Amino acid sequence: MGRRHHPFRSIHLMVILIAVAVCPSHILNATPGKQAAIVDLGGVPVDPFQSARGRVTVLVFVRTDCPISNRYAPTIQRLSMRYADKASFWLVYPARNESAEMIRKHEQEFGYKLPVARDLQHVLVKQSHAAITPEAAVFDAKRHLIYHGRIDDLYEDFGRARRAPTTNELEDAIQAALDGKAPALDAVPAVGCYISDLE
């Protein structure tokens, strides 16, 4: 005689499967007593891609102490406002030695109004192939990385800047993503400060 199928066991399994399907990956991967890999300034886990809700995602890697990164603050804010309804912009702070208080002070000093992610384990750094601040990464609506690199060509080299940029790689990549196309360039080296303790 075969074993009887218990109905409550099937219901229990169904509940688990539903929980796995709807639960964000950063919660499923969380380990008790261990800090999450990507958090906001309050230490709460965040997922820039999930919050984009199917829109283009733009990650801009910055540091509080990088002069080139800081000089780009007006450009970053201008682009984020221009594409506010079409793209999800995030400031990503990859330096592990920058506290939440340091970042809050940095935001106030430069007038940033963007959501912030602290990339404590360089998860976003690796996904974006980022090595410099400032550096941008553009992901299309399907979360595919279509561009990473400099914002524009304002800086020819460290300490050598033009009066005004002659190219606008980040904006071109955003527009390409919105049009469902590949940008003319998918990667351009950035000029700035190296992300410390890059693994």
Protein backbone atom coordinates (compact mmCIF):
# COMPACT_ATOMS: atom_id res chain seq x y z
CA MET A 1 0.00 0.00 0.00
CA GLY A 2 1.48 3.37 -1.01
CA ARG A 3 2.15 6.24 1.37
CA ARG A 4 -0.69 8.71 1.78
CA HIS A 5 -0.04 12.30 0.62
CA HIS A 6 -0.57 14.68 3.52
CA PRO A 7 -2.47 17.83 2.36
CA PHE A 8 -0.90 20.05 5.00
CA ARG A 9 2.61 19.17 3.76
CA SER A 10 1.68 20.45 0.27
CA ILE A 11 0.30 23.67 1.71
CA HIS A 12 3.47 24.21 3.76
CA LEU A 13 5.65 23.67 0.68
CA MET A 14 3.52 26.10 -1.32
CA VAL A 15 3.91 28.80 1.35
CA ILE A 16 7.72 28.40 1.25
CA LEU A 17 7.83 28.63 -2.54
CA ILE A 18 5.71 31.80 -2.53
CA ALA A 19 7.94 33.37 0.14
CA VAL A 20 11.06 32.65 -1.91
CA ALA A 21 9.49 34.09 -5.04
CA VAL A 22 8.43 37.40 -3.49
CA CYS A 23 11.18 37.93 -0.93
CA PRO A 24 13.96 40.35 -2.05
CA SER A 25 17.32 38.71 -2.65
CA HIS A 26 19.13 40.86 -0.11
CA ILE A 27 16.79 39.59 2.63
CA LEU A 28 17.10 35.95 1.57
CA ASN A 29 20.88 36.27 1.55
CA ALA A 30 21.06 38.04 4.88
CA THR A 31 22.91 36.23 7.62
CA PRO A 32 21.94 36.86 11.27
CA GLY A 33 24.56 39.01 12.96
CA LYS A 34 26.21 39.96 9.65
CA GLN A 35 25.81 43.39 8.07
CA ALA A 36 24.10 43.45 4.68
CA ALA A 37 26.24 44.12 1.61
CA ILE A 38 24.32 47.17 0.38
CA VAL A 39 22.62 49.49 2.86
CA ASP A 40 21.23 53.00 3.11
CA LEU A 41 22.46 55.55 5.63
CA GLY A 42 20.30 54.00 8.31
CA GLY A 43 21.87 50.59 7.80
CA VAL A 44 18.76 49.17 6.12
CA PRO A 45 19.39 46.80 3.16
CA VAL A 46 18.57 48.37 -0.22
CA ASP A 47 18.42 47.10 -3.79
CA PRO A 48 18.75 49.87 -6.43
CA PHE A 49 17.55 47.54 -9.19
CA GLN A 50 14.43 46.47 -7.36
CA SER A 51 13.53 50.07 -6.51
CA ALA A 52 13.90 51.04 -10.20
CA ARG A 53 10.72 49.08 -10.92
CA GLY A 54 11.66 48.24 -14.48
CA ARG A 55 13.23 51.59 -15.32
CA VAL A 56 16.78 52.34 -16.40
CA THR A 57 19.15 52.31 -13.40
CA VAL A 58 22.07 54.74 -13.12
CA LEU A 59 24.69 54.18 -10.44
CA VAL A 60 27.19 56.96 -9.80
CA PHE A 61 30.16 56.01 -7.65
CA VAL A 62 31.48 58.84 -5.49
CA ARG A 63 33.69 59.52 -2.48
CA THR A 64 33.43 62.27 0.09
CA ASP A 65 37.13 63.16 -0.24
CA CYS A 66 37.67 63.02 -4.03
CA PRO A 67 37.96 66.53 -5.53
CA ILE A 68 37.09 65.41 -9.06
CA SER A 69 34.09 63.48 -7.79
CA ASN A 70 32.93 66.55 -5.89
CA ARG A 71 33.32 68.80 -8.91
CA TYR A 72 30.82 66.63 -10.77
CA ALA A 73 28.08 67.16 -8.18
CA PRO A 74 26.19 69.79 -10.27
CA THR A 75 26.37 67.59 -13.39
CA ILE A 76 25.14 64.52 -11.51
CA GLN A 77 22.23 66.45 -10.04
CA ARG A 78 21.34 68.05 -13.38
CA LEU A 79 21.19 64.68 -15.13
CA SER A 80 19.23 63.07 -12.30
CA MET A 81 16.60 65.82 -12.50
CA ARG A 82 16.44 65.73 -16.30
CA TYR A 83 15.72 61.99 -16.31
CA ALA A 84 13.88 61.77 -13.00
CA ASP A 85 10.74 60.25 -14.56
CA LYS A 86 12.60 57.79 -16.77
CA ALA A 87 15.64 56.58 -14.86
CA SER A 88 16.47 55.68 -11.27
CA PHE A 89 19.63 57.45 -10.07
CA TRP A 90 21.65 56.33 -7.07
CA LEU A 91 24.76 57.68 -5.42
CA VAL A 92 26.97 54.76 -4.45
CA TYR A 93 29.63 55.22 -1.77
CA PRO A 94 32.10 52.29 -2.04
CA ALA A 95 34.65 53.42 0.57
CA ARG A 96 34.27 51.24 3.65
CA ASN A 97 35.91 53.86 5.90
CA GLU A 98 33.27 56.51 5.14
CA SER A 99 30.67 56.53 7.91
CA ALA A 100 27.00 57.35 7.46
CA GLU A 101 27.61 60.65 9.25
CA MET A 102 30.42 61.57 6.84
CA ILE A 103 28.14 60.81 3.90
CA ARG A 104 25.25 62.85 5.33
CA LYS A 105 27.60 65.81 5.74
CA HIS A 106 28.82 65.33 2.16
CA GLU A 107 25.23 65.29 0.86
CA GLN A 108 24.40 68.51 2.68
CA GLU A 109 27.58 70.25 1.52
CA PHE A 110 26.95 69.48 -2.15
CA GLY A 111 23.15 69.64 -2.10
CA TYR A 112 22.56 66.03 -3.12
CA LYS A 113 18.95 64.82 -3.06
CA LEU A 114 19.52 61.35 -4.50
CA PRO A 115 19.03 57.99 -2.78
CA VAL A 116 22.26 56.65 -1.33
CA ALA A 117 23.70 53.14 -1.23
CA ARG A 118 26.74 52.19 0.82
CA ASP A 119 28.40 49.36 -1.10
CA LEU A 120 30.17 47.81 1.88
CA GLN A 121 31.23 44.59 0.17
CA HIS A 122 31.68 46.08 -3.33
CA VAL A 123 28.79 44.13 -4.80
CA LEU A 124 27.75 47.05 -7.00
CA VAL A 125 31.39 47.89 -7.74
CA LYS A 126 31.86 44.43 -9.23
CA GLN A 127 28.57 44.40 -11.10
CA SER A 128 29.42 47.79 -12.62
CA HIS A 129 33.13 47.10 -13.26
CA ALA A 130 33.84 50.34 -11.42
CA ALA A 131 37.34 51.30 -10.30
CA ILE A 132 37.26 55.10 -10.07
CA THR A 133 35.23 57.85 -8.46
CA PRO A 134 33.44 59.48 -10.11
CA GLU A 135 32.36 56.68 -12.39
CA ALA A 136 28.91 55.85 -13.71
CA ALA A 137 27.17 52.63 -14.66
CA VAL A 138 24.00 52.42 -16.72
CA PHE A 139 21.75 49.34 -16.60
CA ASP A 140 18.82 48.94 -18.94
CA ALA A 141 15.31 48.00 -17.84
CA LYS A 142 16.32 44.31 -17.87
CA ARG A 143 19.25 45.01 -15.51
CA HIS A 144 21.89 44.52 -18.21
CA LEU A 145 24.99 46.69 -17.87
CA ILE A 146 25.22 48.69 -21.09
CA TYR A 147 27.77 51.33 -20.09
CA HIS A 148 30.36 52.01 -17.42
CA GLY A 149 33.00 54.69 -17.19
CA ARG A 150 33.40 58.45 -17.14
CA ILE A 151 30.54 60.91 -16.99
CA ASP A 152 32.05 63.09 -19.72
CA ASP A 153 35.49 64.23 -20.89
CA LEU A 154 35.83 67.31 -18.68
CA TYR A 155 39.03 65.82 -17.26
CA GLU A 156 41.79 64.82 -19.65
CA ASP A 157 43.89 63.54 -16.76
CA PHE A 158 44.12 64.01 -13.02
CA GLY A 159 44.64 67.76 -12.52
CA ARG A 160 44.06 68.57 -16.20
CA ALA A 161 40.54 69.77 -16.94
CA ARG A 162 38.94 71.38 -19.98
CA ARG A 163 36.86 74.52 -19.67
CA ALA A 164 33.84 72.47 -20.66
CA PRO A 165 33.28 68.84 -21.72
CA THR A 166 33.14 68.01 -25.42
CA THR A 167 31.54 64.57 -24.98
CA ASN A 168 28.75 63.36 -22.69
CA GLU A 169 29.08 59.59 -22.42
CA LEU A 170 26.78 59.12 -19.43
CA GLU A 171 23.90 61.08 -20.90
CA ASP A 172 24.35 59.37 -24.26
CA ALA A 173 24.20 55.97 -22.55
CA ILE A 174 21.06 56.88 -20.61
CA GLN A 175 19.33 58.03 -23.79
CA ALA A 176 20.40 54.86 -25.61
CA ALA A 177 18.99 52.72 -22.80
CA LEU A 178 15.70 54.61 -22.93
CA ASP A 179 15.56 54.09 -26.70
CA GLY A 180 16.27 50.39 -26.30
CA LYS A 181 19.59 50.66 -28.11
CA ALA A 182 23.22 50.02 -27.32
CA PRO A 183 25.32 53.15 -26.73
CA ALA A 184 28.08 54.03 -29.20
CA LEU A 185 30.59 53.25 -26.44
CA ASP A 186 29.99 50.68 -23.72
CA ALA A 187 33.04 51.58 -21.60
CA VAL A 188 35.31 54.63 -21.32
CA PRO A 189 38.05 54.93 -18.65
CA ALA A 190 37.26 57.46 -15.95
CA VAL A 191 39.60 60.01 -14.38
CA GLY A 192 39.48 60.48 -10.63
CA CYS A 193 40.25 58.70 -7.39
CA TYR A 194 40.77 54.96 -7.23
CA ILE A 195 38.28 53.02 -5.16
CA SER A 196 40.32 51.89 -2.17
CA ASP A 197 40.74 48.26 -1.13
CA LEU A 198 39.17 47.16 -4.42
CA GLU A 199 38.96 43.38 -4.54
